[in-house]
């Protein structure tokens, strides 16, 4: 059980990093890019908290 939670957290963390990298590569202006990064980080934190059984 603990190893599956750890693997889930690791995969979620890697997906967050990948999406943040892809947002950086998009041809957006600075303000829009910053908003997109904040949204990705918030969604990532919420999904990590689900793995930790906070929600």
PDB file of N, CA and C in Angstrom:
ATOM      1  N   UNK A   1       0.824  -1.196   0.000  1.00  0.00           N
ATOM      2  CA  UNK A   1       0.000   0.000   0.000  1.00  0.00           C
ATOM      3  C   UNK A   1       0.867   1.259   0.000  1.00  0.00           C
ATOM      4  N   UNK A   2       1.877   1.294   0.846  1.00  0.00           N
ATOM      5  CA  UNK A   2       2.719   2.490   0.939  1.00  0.00           C
ATOM      6  C   UNK A   2       3.527   2.698  -0.334  1.00  0.00           C
ATOM      7  N   UNK A   3       3.955   1.612  -0.963  1.00  0.00           N
ATOM      8  CA  UNK A   3       4.749   1.771  -2.180  1.00  0.00           C
ATOM      9  C   UNK A   3       3.889   2.290  -3.328  1.00  0.00           C
ATOM     10  N   UNK A   4       2.621   1.888  -3.398  1.00  0.00           N
ATOM     11  CA  UNK A   4       1.758   2.392  -4.470  1.00  0.00           C
ATOM     12  C   UNK A   4       1.466   3.881  -4.280  1.00  0.00           C
ATOM     13  N   UNK A   5       1.326   4.323  -3.033  1.00  0.00           N
ATOM     14  CA  UNK A   5       1.128   5.751  -2.772  1.00  0.00           C
ATOM     15  C   UNK A   5       2.373   6.525  -3.161  1.00  0.00           C
ATOM     16  N   UNK A   6       3.534   5.984  -2.819  1.00  0.00           N
ATOM     17  CA  UNK A   6       4.792   6.642  -3.161  1.00  0.00           C
ATOM     18  C   UNK A   6       4.984   6.731  -4.669  1.00  0.00           C
ATOM     19  N   UNK A   7       4.648   5.677  -5.374  1.00  0.00           N
ATOM     20  CA  UNK A   7       4.756   5.687  -6.834  1.00  0.00           C
ATOM     21  C   UNK A   7       3.775   6.693  -7.430  1.00  0.00           C
ATOM     22  N   UNK A   8       2.571   6.760  -6.892  1.00  0.00           N
ATOM     23  CA  UNK A   8       1.587   7.732  -7.364  1.00  0.00           C
ATOM     24  C   UNK A   8       2.044   9.161  -7.156  1.00  0.00           C
ATOM     25  N   UNK A   9       2.634   9.428  -5.994  1.00  0.00           N
ATOM     26  CA  UNK A   9       3.147  10.770  -5.709  1.00  0.00           C
ATOM     27  C   UNK A   9       4.282  11.111  -6.665  1.00  0.00           C
ATOM     28  N   UNK A  10       5.167  10.161  -6.913  1.00  0.00           N
ATOM     29  CA  UNK A  10       6.294  10.397  -7.816  1.00  0.00           C
ATOM     30  C   UNK A  10       5.815  10.673  -9.240  1.00  0.00           C
ATOM     31  N   UNK A  11       4.861   9.893  -9.708  1.00  0.00           N
ATOM     32  CA  UNK A  11       4.336  10.095 -11.062  1.00  0.00           C
ATOM     33  C   UNK A  11       3.640  11.447 -11.167  1.00  0.00           C
ATOM     34  N   UNK A  12       2.864  11.802 -10.146  1.00  0.00           N
ATOM     35  CA  UNK A  12       2.194  13.104 -10.146  1.00  0.00           C
ATOM     36  C   UNK A  12       3.206  14.234 -10.176  1.00  0.00           C
ATOM     37  N   UNK A  13       4.256  14.125  -9.389  1.00  0.00           N
ATOM     38  CA  UNK A  13       5.299  15.152  -9.357  1.00  0.00           C
ATOM     39  C   UNK A  13       5.978  15.280 -10.720  1.00  0.00           C
ATOM     40  N   UNK A  14       6.265  14.153 -11.361  1.00  0.00           N
ATOM     41  CA  UNK A  14       6.908  14.200 -12.682  1.00  0.00           C
ATOM     42  C   UNK A  14       5.985  14.805 -13.738  1.00  0.00           C
ATOM     43  N   UNK A  15       4.687  14.516 -13.653  1.00  0.00           N
ATOM     44  CA  UNK A  15       3.740  15.092 -14.605  1.00  0.00           C
ATOM     45  C   UNK A  15       3.647  16.604 -14.412  1.00  0.00           C
ATOM     46  N   UNK A  16       3.658  17.050 -13.153  1.00  0.00           N
ATOM     47  CA  UNK A  16       3.623  18.489 -12.886  1.00  0.00           C
ATOM     48  C   UNK A  16       4.841  19.171 -13.500  1.00  0.00           C
ATOM     49  N   UNK A  17       6.014  18.588 -13.311  1.00  0.00           N
ATOM     50  CA  UNK A  17       7.234  19.169 -13.864  1.00  0.00           C
ATOM     51  C   UNK A  17       7.180  19.189 -15.391  1.00  0.00           C
ATOM     52  N   UNK A  18       6.682  18.104 -15.997  1.00  0.00           N
ATOM     53  CA  UNK A  18       6.579  18.049 -17.454  1.00  0.00           C
ATOM     54  C   UNK A  18       5.621  19.104 -17.990  1.00  0.00           C
ATOM     55  N   UNK A  19       4.478  19.271 -17.350  1.00  0.00           N
ATOM     56  CA  UNK A  19       3.506  20.265 -17.818  1.00  0.00           C
ATOM     57  C   UNK A  19       4.061  21.679 -17.633  1.00  0.00           C
ATOM     58  N   UNK A  20       4.758  21.929 -16.530  1.00  0.00           N
ATOM     59  CA  UNK A  20       5.368  23.246 -16.344  1.00  0.00           C
ATOM     60  C   UNK A  20       6.416  23.525 -17.423  1.00  0.00           C
ATOM     61  N   UNK A  21       7.181  22.511 -17.797  1.00  0.00           N
ATOM     62  CA  UNK A  21       8.157  22.674 -18.872  1.00  0.00           C
ATOM     63  C   UNK A  21       7.458  22.983 -20.198  1.00  0.00           C
ATOM     64  N   UNK A  22       6.366  22.277 -20.469  1.00  0.00           N
ATOM     65  CA  UNK A  22       5.643  22.510 -21.716  1.00  0.00           C
ATOM     66  C   UNK A  22       4.998  23.886 -21.741  1.00  0.00           C
ATOM     67  N   UNK A  23       4.529  24.370 -20.594  1.00  0.00           N
ATOM     68  CA  UNK A  23       3.969  25.719 -20.534  1.00  0.00           C
ATOM     69  C   UNK A  23       5.054  26.743 -20.844  1.00  0.00           C
ATOM     70  N   UNK A  24       6.270  26.494 -20.379  1.00  0.00           N
ATOM     71  CA  UNK A  24       7.379  27.411 -20.676  1.00  0.00           C
ATOM     72  C   UNK A  24       7.670  27.466 -22.175  1.00  0.00           C
ATOM     73  N   UNK A  25       7.456  26.361 -22.856  1.00  0.00           N
ATOM     74  CA  UNK A  25       7.766  26.290 -24.290  1.00  0.00           C
ATOM     75  C   UNK A  25       6.685  26.922 -25.163  1.00  0.00           C
ATOM     76  N   UNK A  26       5.499  27.195 -24.607  1.00  0.00           N
ATOM     77  CA  UNK A  26       4.419  27.772 -25.398  1.00  0.00           C
ATOM     78  C   UNK A  26       4.729  29.228 -25.751  1.00  0.00           C
ATOM     79  N   UNK A  27       4.310  29.655 -26.937  1.00  0.00           N
ATOM     80  CA  UNK A  27       4.547  31.058 -27.333  1.00  0.00           C
ATOM     81  C   UNK A  27       3.483  31.991 -26.739  1.00  0.00           C
ATOM     82  N   UNK A  28       3.570  32.203 -25.427  1.00  0.00           N
ATOM     83  CA  UNK A  28       2.624  33.073 -24.737  1.00  0.00           C
ATOM     84  C   UNK A  28       3.369  34.282 -24.179  1.00  0.00           C
ATOM     85  N   UNK A  29       2.608  35.346 -23.902  1.00  0.00           N
ATOM     86  CA  UNK A  29       3.250  36.480 -23.249  1.00  0.00           C
ATOM     87  C   UNK A  29       3.473  36.157 -21.770  1.00  0.00           C
ATOM     88  N   UNK A  30       4.232  36.986 -21.101  1.00  0.00           N
ATOM     89  CA  UNK A  30       4.667  36.696 -19.734  1.00  0.00           C
ATOM     90  C   UNK A  30       3.535  36.535 -18.745  1.00  0.00           C
ATOM     91  N   UNK A  31       2.536  37.396 -18.826  1.00  0.00           N
ATOM     92  CA  UNK A  31       1.420  37.356 -17.863  1.00  0.00           C
ATOM     93  C   UNK A  31       0.607  36.078 -18.028  1.00  0.00           C
ATOM     94  N   UNK A  32       0.295  35.711 -19.258  1.00  0.00           N
ATOM     95  CA  UNK A  32      -0.477  34.504 -19.515  1.00  0.00           C
ATOM     96  C   UNK A  32       0.299  33.262 -19.100  1.00  0.00           C
ATOM     97  N   UNK A  33       1.585  33.245 -19.361  1.00  0.00           N
ATOM     98  CA  UNK A  33       2.430  32.115 -18.975  1.00  0.00           C
ATOM     99  C   UNK A  33       2.459  31.958 -17.452  1.00  0.00           C
ATOM    100  N   UNK A  34       2.544  33.074 -16.749  1.00  0.00           N
ATOM    101  CA  UNK A  34       2.578  33.034 -15.293  1.00  0.00           C
ATOM    102  C   UNK A  34       1.261  32.510 -14.727  1.00  0.00           C
ATOM    103  N   UNK A  35       0.141  32.935 -15.302  1.00  0.00           N
ATOM    104  CA  UNK A  35      -1.161  32.444 -14.855  1.00  0.00           C
ATOM    105  C   UNK A  35      -1.283  30.951 -15.110  1.00  0.00           C
ATOM    106  N   UNK A  36      -0.830  30.487 -16.276  1.00  0.00           N
ATOM    107  CA  UNK A  36      -0.885  29.063 -16.589  1.00  0.00           C
ATOM    108  C   UNK A  36      -0.018  28.259 -15.625  1.00  0.00           C
ATOM    109  N   UNK A  37       1.144  28.762 -15.272  1.00  0.00           N
ATOM    110  CA  UNK A  37       2.012  28.066 -14.322  1.00  0.00           C
ATOM    111  C   UNK A  37       1.369  27.984 -12.943  1.00  0.00           C
ATOM    112  N   UNK A  38       0.726  29.054 -12.508  1.00  0.00           N
ATOM    113  CA  UNK A  38       0.060  29.047 -11.211  1.00  0.00           C
ATOM    114  C   UNK A  38      -1.077  28.035 -11.195  1.00  0.00           C
ATOM    115  N   UNK A  39      -1.849  27.974 -12.286  1.00  0.00           N
ATOM    116  CA  UNK A  39      -2.942  27.009 -12.365  1.00  0.00           C
ATOM    117  C   UNK A  39      -2.413  25.577 -12.305  1.00  0.00           C
ATOM    118  N   UNK A  40      -1.341  25.307 -13.032  1.00  0.00           N
ATOM    119  CA  UNK A  40      -0.751  23.960 -13.024  1.00  0.00           C
ATOM    120  C   UNK A  40      -0.242  23.603 -11.631  1.00  0.00           C
ATOM    121  N   UNK A  41       0.392  24.542 -10.954  1.00  0.00           N
ATOM    122  CA  UNK A  41       0.910  24.272  -9.615  1.00  0.00           C
ATOM    123  C   UNK A  41      -0.223  24.021  -8.635  1.00  0.00           C
ATOM    124  N   UNK A  42      -1.296  24.790  -8.713  1.00  0.00           N
ATOM    125  CA  UNK A  42      -2.433  24.592  -7.803  1.00  0.00           C
ATOM    126  C   UNK A  42      -3.078  23.233  -8.041  1.00  0.00           C
ATOM    127  N   UNK A  43      -3.287  22.870  -9.289  1.00  0.00           N
ATOM    128  CA  UNK A  43      -3.870  21.560  -9.593  1.00  0.00           C
ATOM    129  C   UNK A  43      -2.936  20.446  -9.123  1.00  0.00           C
ATOM    130  N   UNK A  44      -1.642  20.636  -9.295  1.00  0.00           N
ATOM    131  CA  UNK A  44      -0.680  19.636  -8.839  1.00  0.00           C
ATOM    132  C   UNK A  44      -0.685  19.477  -7.334  1.00  0.00           C
ATOM    133  N   UNK A  45      -0.762  20.573  -6.610  1.00  0.00           N
ATOM    134  CA  UNK A  45      -0.792  20.491  -5.145  1.00  0.00           C
ATOM    135  C   UNK A  45      -2.065  19.787  -4.678  1.00  0.00           C
ATOM    136  N   UNK A  46      -3.184  20.089  -5.304  1.00  0.00           N
ATOM    137  CA  UNK A  46      -4.434  19.436  -4.924  1.00  0.00           C
ATOM    138  C   UNK A  46      -4.362  17.935  -5.187  1.00  0.00           C
ATOM    139  N   UNK A  47      -3.798  17.539  -6.320  1.00  0.00           N
ATOM    140  CA  UNK A  47      -3.711  16.106  -6.606  1.00  0.00           C
ATOM    141  C   UNK A  47      -2.721  15.411  -5.672  1.00  0.00           C
ATOM    142  N   UNK A  48      -1.640  16.094  -5.281  1.00  0.00           N
ATOM    143  CA  UNK A  48      -0.718  15.508  -4.297  1.00  0.00           C
ATOM    144  C   UNK A  48      -1.379  15.380  -2.940  1.00  0.00           C
ATOM    145  N   UNK A  49      -2.207  16.336  -2.572  1.00  0.00           N
ATOM    146  CA  UNK A  49      -2.910  16.241  -1.288  1.00  0.00           C
ATOM    147  C   UNK A  49      -3.924  15.102  -1.293  1.00  0.00           C
ATOM    148  N   UNK A  50      -4.476  14.790  -2.461  1.00  0.00           N
ATOM    149  CA  UNK A  50      -5.375  13.625  -2.552  1.00  0.00           C
ATOM    150  C   UNK A  50      -4.630  12.335  -2.268  1.00  0.00           C
ATOM    151  N   UNK A  51      -3.392  12.226  -2.759  1.00  0.00           N
ATOM    152  CA  UNK A  51      -2.599  11.034  -2.480  1.00  0.00           C
ATOM    153  C   UNK A  51      -2.256  10.919  -1.003  1.00  0.00           C
ATOM    154  N   UNK A  52      -2.125  12.045  -0.337  1.00  0.00           N
ATOM    155  CA  UNK A  52      -1.795  12.025   1.075  1.00  0.00           C
ATOM    156  C   UNK A  52      -3.046  11.929   1.944  1.00  0.00           C
ATOM    157  N   UNK A  53      -4.198  11.713   1.322  1.00  0.00           N
ATOM    158  CA  UNK A  53      -5.487  11.508   1.994  1.00  0.00           C
ATOM    159  C   UNK A  53      -5.904  12.716   2.821  1.00  0.00           C
ATOM    160  N   UNK A  54      -5.584  13.906   2.357  1.00  0.00           N
ATOM    161  CA  UNK A  54      -6.042  15.110   3.022  1.00  0.00           C
ATOM    162  C   UNK A  54      -7.471  15.410   2.598  1.00  0.00           C
ATOM    163  N   UNK A  55      -7.797  15.133   1.322  1.00  0.00           N
ATOM    164  CA  UNK A  55      -9.153  15.334   0.832  1.00  0.00           C
ATOM    165  C   UNK A  55      -9.881  14.029   0.777  1.00  0.00           C
TER     166      UNK A  55
END
